[in-house]
Each structure stands twice: as C-alpha cells, then as structure tokens.
Amino acid sequence: MSKDLLLFILACAPVAINLWAYFLMKTAPTELDPEIVVTGYQLVKHKTGQPGIKCLDCGWTSYNHNDVAYRYCGHCDKFHYHVVH
C-alpha cells in the first residue's frame, strides 16, 4: 500500500466513523418498547423513566444517554449495531 493511500485512509477514517455514528442515531428506534428485543441489546426504561440499554451478551444495563444513543456497552466495550431491514 502506498504512503499516500495510507495517509488518505487515516485522514478519512474519523469522518467516516462520525457519519456512521450519526446514521445509527438517526435510524435507531425513537420509542422505547421493552417488548421489542433486537439481537445483542434491549432498550429499557428505569423506574424513573430514564431510557437505558441492556446488553444481552453480558447482562449489563447502562442509563448513560450516550450509551443509549450509540448502542454501546461499556462493560463489553463494544457497539451493538442497529440493522435496518
């Protein structure tokens, strides 16, 4: 791989990641429905009404708004991607 191509890829990577995160936020469900389970995570609500995300891989639940928006599990250190059919 040429040096110029590598520099181009490294320069574009942050932009591509931010665009992907924006796309995931815009295509994520807007309503929290505890009856709908998507592979890997479940959207939940705390008894106070605060939205949360439960990782079905490790069982950890987070009520951090960024974790919910980006479908992220801080315990597993991974993102759950929302697949649009």
N, C-alpha and C. Protein backbone atom coordinates (compact mmCIF):
# COMPACT_ATOMS: atom_id res chain seq x y z
N MET A 1 0.85 -1.16 0.00
CA MET A 1 0.00 0.00 0.00
C MET A 1 0.90 1.23 0.00
N SER A 2 0.55 2.19 -0.85
CA SER A 2 1.38 3.38 -0.94
C SER A 2 1.18 4.28 0.27
N LYS A 3 2.17 5.10 0.54
CA LYS A 3 2.12 6.02 1.68
C LYS A 3 0.98 7.02 1.53
N ASP A 4 0.76 7.51 0.30
CA ASP A 4 -0.30 8.49 0.07
C ASP A 4 -1.68 7.88 0.32
N LEU A 5 -1.87 6.65 -0.10
CA LEU A 5 -3.14 5.98 0.12
C LEU A 5 -3.38 5.76 1.61
N LEU A 6 -2.36 5.36 2.32
CA LEU A 6 -2.47 5.15 3.76
C LEU A 6 -2.82 6.45 4.48
N LEU A 7 -2.17 7.54 4.11
CA LEU A 7 -2.47 8.84 4.71
C LEU A 7 -3.90 9.28 4.39
N PHE A 8 -4.36 9.03 3.19
CA PHE A 8 -5.73 9.36 2.81
C PHE A 8 -6.73 8.59 3.66
N ILE A 9 -6.49 7.30 3.83
CA ILE A 9 -7.39 6.46 4.64
C ILE A 9 -7.41 6.93 6.09
N LEU A 10 -6.24 7.23 6.64
CA LEU A 10 -6.16 7.70 8.02
C LEU A 10 -6.84 9.06 8.20
N ALA A 11 -6.77 9.90 7.18
CA ALA A 11 -7.41 11.21 7.25
C ALA A 11 -8.93 11.09 7.16
N CYS A 12 -9.42 10.13 6.40
CA CYS A 12 -10.87 9.98 6.20
C CYS A 12 -11.55 9.15 7.29
N ALA A 13 -10.81 8.36 8.01
CA ALA A 13 -11.40 7.45 8.99
C ALA A 13 -12.25 8.17 10.05
N PRO A 14 -11.77 9.25 10.68
CA PRO A 14 -12.61 9.91 11.69
C PRO A 14 -13.92 10.44 11.13
N VAL A 15 -13.88 10.98 9.93
CA VAL A 15 -15.09 11.49 9.29
C VAL A 15 -16.07 10.34 9.03
N ALA A 16 -15.57 9.24 8.52
CA ALA A 16 -16.42 8.08 8.22
C ALA A 16 -17.04 7.53 9.50
N ILE A 17 -16.28 7.48 10.56
CA ILE A 17 -16.81 6.96 11.84
C ILE A 17 -17.90 7.88 12.36
N ASN A 18 -17.69 9.20 12.29
CA ASN A 18 -18.71 10.13 12.75
C ASN A 18 -19.97 10.06 11.91
N LEU A 19 -19.84 9.90 10.60
CA LEU A 19 -21.01 9.76 9.74
C LEU A 19 -21.77 8.47 10.07
N TRP A 20 -21.05 7.39 10.33
CA TRP A 20 -21.69 6.12 10.68
C TRP A 20 -22.43 6.26 12.00
N ALA A 21 -21.83 6.91 12.99
CA ALA A 21 -22.49 7.12 14.29
C ALA A 21 -23.75 7.97 14.11
N TYR A 22 -23.68 9.01 13.28
CA TYR A 22 -24.84 9.85 13.01
C TYR A 22 -25.95 9.02 12.35
N PHE A 23 -25.59 8.19 11.39
CA PHE A 23 -26.56 7.33 10.72
C PHE A 23 -27.23 6.39 11.72
N LEU A 24 -26.44 5.82 12.62
CA LEU A 24 -27.01 4.91 13.62
C LEU A 24 -27.98 5.63 14.53
N MET A 25 -27.67 6.86 14.92
CA MET A 25 -28.57 7.62 15.78
C MET A 25 -29.87 7.92 15.05
N LYS A 26 -29.78 8.28 13.78
CA LYS A 26 -30.97 8.66 13.02
C LYS A 26 -31.85 7.46 12.67
N THR A 27 -31.28 6.28 12.57
CA THR A 27 -32.08 5.11 12.21
C THR A 27 -32.48 4.28 13.43
N ALA A 28 -32.03 4.68 14.61
CA ALA A 28 -32.37 3.95 15.83
C ALA A 28 -33.85 4.19 16.17
N PRO A 29 -34.48 3.24 16.85
CA PRO A 29 -35.87 3.43 17.24
C PRO A 29 -36.02 4.64 18.15
N THR A 30 -37.08 5.41 17.93
CA THR A 30 -37.30 6.59 18.76
C THR A 30 -38.15 6.27 19.97
N GLU A 31 -38.95 5.24 19.90
CA GLU A 31 -39.80 4.82 21.01
C GLU A 31 -39.14 3.67 21.75
N LEU A 32 -39.15 3.74 23.06
CA LEU A 32 -38.63 2.63 23.85
C LEU A 32 -39.76 1.64 24.10
N ASP A 33 -39.65 0.47 23.55
CA ASP A 33 -40.64 -0.57 23.72
C ASP A 33 -39.96 -1.79 24.30
N PRO A 34 -40.18 -2.09 25.57
CA PRO A 34 -39.48 -3.22 26.20
C PRO A 34 -39.86 -4.57 25.61
N GLU A 35 -40.92 -4.63 24.82
CA GLU A 35 -41.32 -5.89 24.22
C GLU A 35 -40.51 -6.21 22.97
N ILE A 36 -39.86 -5.20 22.38
CA ILE A 36 -39.07 -5.40 21.17
C ILE A 36 -37.64 -5.71 21.58
N VAL A 37 -37.16 -6.88 21.20
CA VAL A 37 -35.79 -7.27 21.51
C VAL A 37 -35.03 -7.42 20.21
N VAL A 38 -33.93 -6.71 20.08
CA VAL A 38 -33.06 -6.82 18.92
C VAL A 38 -31.83 -7.59 19.38
N THR A 39 -31.33 -8.47 18.54
CA THR A 39 -30.19 -9.30 18.90
C THR A 39 -29.05 -8.45 19.44
N GLY A 40 -28.58 -8.80 20.62
CA GLY A 40 -27.43 -8.12 21.20
C GLY A 40 -27.77 -7.11 22.27
N TYR A 41 -28.91 -6.42 22.15
CA TYR A 41 -29.27 -5.43 23.16
C TYR A 41 -30.78 -5.28 23.25
N GLN A 42 -31.21 -4.67 24.36
CA GLN A 42 -32.63 -4.38 24.55
C GLN A 42 -32.74 -2.98 25.12
N LEU A 43 -33.63 -2.18 24.55
CA LEU A 43 -33.88 -0.85 25.08
C LEU A 43 -34.83 -1.00 26.27
N VAL A 44 -34.47 -0.37 27.39
CA VAL A 44 -35.25 -0.49 28.62
C VAL A 44 -35.50 0.91 29.18
N LYS A 45 -36.36 0.97 30.20
CA LYS A 45 -36.61 2.20 30.93
C LYS A 45 -36.40 1.94 32.41
N HIS A 46 -35.73 2.87 33.07
CA HIS A 46 -35.57 2.81 34.52
C HIS A 46 -36.91 3.14 35.15
N LYS A 47 -37.12 2.81 36.41
CA LYS A 47 -38.39 3.11 37.08
C LYS A 47 -38.67 4.61 37.13
N THR A 48 -37.63 5.42 36.97
CA THR A 48 -37.79 6.87 36.93
C THR A 48 -38.17 7.37 35.53
N GLY A 49 -38.16 6.46 34.55
CA GLY A 49 -38.50 6.82 33.18
C GLY A 49 -37.30 7.09 32.30
N GLN A 50 -36.10 7.05 32.87
CA GLN A 50 -34.88 7.31 32.10
C GLN A 50 -34.61 6.13 31.16
N PRO A 51 -34.36 6.40 29.86
CA PRO A 51 -34.07 5.31 28.93
C PRO A 51 -32.72 4.67 29.21
N GLY A 52 -32.63 3.39 28.90
CA GLY A 52 -31.39 2.65 29.10
C GLY A 52 -31.20 1.61 28.02
N ILE A 53 -30.04 0.98 28.05
CA ILE A 53 -29.73 -0.10 27.12
C ILE A 53 -29.18 -1.27 27.91
N LYS A 54 -29.74 -2.44 27.65
CA LYS A 54 -29.28 -3.66 28.32
C LYS A 54 -28.57 -4.53 27.29
N CYS A 55 -27.31 -4.87 27.59
CA CYS A 55 -26.53 -5.75 26.72
C CYS A 55 -26.97 -7.18 27.00
N LEU A 56 -27.40 -7.88 25.96
CA LEU A 56 -27.85 -9.26 26.13
C LEU A 56 -26.69 -10.24 26.15
N ASP A 57 -25.48 -9.75 25.83
CA ASP A 57 -24.30 -10.62 25.89
C ASP A 57 -23.79 -10.77 27.32
N CYS A 58 -23.75 -9.64 28.05
CA CYS A 58 -23.19 -9.70 29.41
C CYS A 58 -24.22 -9.41 30.50
N GLY A 59 -25.39 -8.89 30.13
CA GLY A 59 -26.43 -8.59 31.10
C GLY A 59 -26.32 -7.21 31.74
N TRP A 60 -25.30 -6.45 31.38
CA TRP A 60 -25.07 -5.12 31.95
C TRP A 60 -26.10 -4.13 31.40
N THR A 61 -26.60 -3.21 32.24
CA THR A 61 -27.54 -2.18 31.81
C THR A 61 -26.93 -0.81 32.07
N SER A 62 -27.02 0.07 31.09
CA SER A 62 -26.49 1.43 31.22
C SER A 62 -27.61 2.42 30.96
N TYR A 63 -27.63 3.49 31.75
CA TYR A 63 -28.60 4.57 31.56
C TYR A 63 -27.91 5.85 31.08
N ASN A 64 -26.66 5.73 30.65
CA ASN A 64 -25.93 6.87 30.10
C ASN A 64 -26.54 7.20 28.74
N HIS A 65 -26.89 8.48 28.53
CA HIS A 65 -27.58 8.84 27.28
C HIS A 65 -26.72 8.58 26.04
N ASN A 66 -25.40 8.70 26.15
CA ASN A 66 -24.53 8.40 25.01
C ASN A 66 -24.51 6.91 24.71
N ASP A 67 -24.49 6.07 25.75
CA ASP A 67 -24.54 4.62 25.54
C ASP A 67 -25.82 4.22 24.83
N VAL A 68 -26.93 4.83 25.24
CA VAL A 68 -28.22 4.52 24.61
C VAL A 68 -28.22 4.99 23.16
N ALA A 69 -27.77 6.22 22.92
CA ALA A 69 -27.78 6.80 21.57
C ALA A 69 -26.90 6.02 20.61
N TYR A 70 -25.74 5.57 21.10
CA TYR A 70 -24.79 4.88 20.23
C TYR A 70 -24.84 3.36 20.36
N ARG A 71 -25.79 2.86 21.17
CA ARG A 71 -25.95 1.40 21.37
C ARG A 71 -24.62 0.79 21.82
N TYR A 72 -24.05 1.36 22.89
CA TYR A 72 -22.73 0.96 23.37
C TYR A 72 -22.82 0.27 24.71
N CYS A 73 -22.06 -0.81 24.87
CA CYS A 73 -21.93 -1.49 26.16
C CYS A 73 -20.53 -1.20 26.70
N GLY A 74 -20.46 -0.45 27.78
CA GLY A 74 -19.18 -0.12 28.39
C GLY A 74 -18.55 -1.31 29.09
N HIS A 75 -19.37 -2.26 29.50
CA HIS A 75 -18.84 -3.46 30.17
C HIS A 75 -18.13 -4.35 29.16
N CYS A 76 -18.76 -4.57 28.00
CA CYS A 76 -18.15 -5.39 26.93
C CYS A 76 -17.20 -4.57 26.06
N ASP A 77 -17.31 -3.23 26.14
CA ASP A 77 -16.53 -2.32 25.31
C ASP A 77 -16.78 -2.59 23.82
N LYS A 78 -18.08 -2.62 23.47
CA LYS A 78 -18.43 -2.82 22.05
C LYS A 78 -19.75 -2.12 21.73
N PHE A 79 -19.94 -1.85 20.45
CA PHE A 79 -21.15 -1.23 19.95
C PHE A 79 -22.09 -2.32 19.42
N HIS A 80 -23.37 -2.13 19.64
CA HIS A 80 -24.39 -3.00 19.05
C HIS A 80 -24.98 -2.23 17.89
N TYR A 81 -24.88 -2.77 16.71
CA TYR A 81 -25.32 -2.07 15.52
C TYR A 81 -26.77 -2.38 15.24
N HIS A 82 -27.55 -1.32 14.98
CA HIS A 82 -28.95 -1.44 14.65
C HIS A 82 -29.07 -1.72 13.16
N VAL A 83 -29.67 -2.84 12.82
CA VAL A 83 -29.80 -3.23 11.41
C VAL A 83 -31.18 -2.83 10.92
N VAL A 84 -31.21 -2.06 9.84
CA VAL A 84 -32.46 -1.62 9.24
C VAL A 84 -32.84 -2.59 8.15
N HIS A 85 -34.03 -3.15 8.24
CA HIS A 85 -34.48 -4.12 7.23
C HIS A 85 -35.34 -3.44 6.20
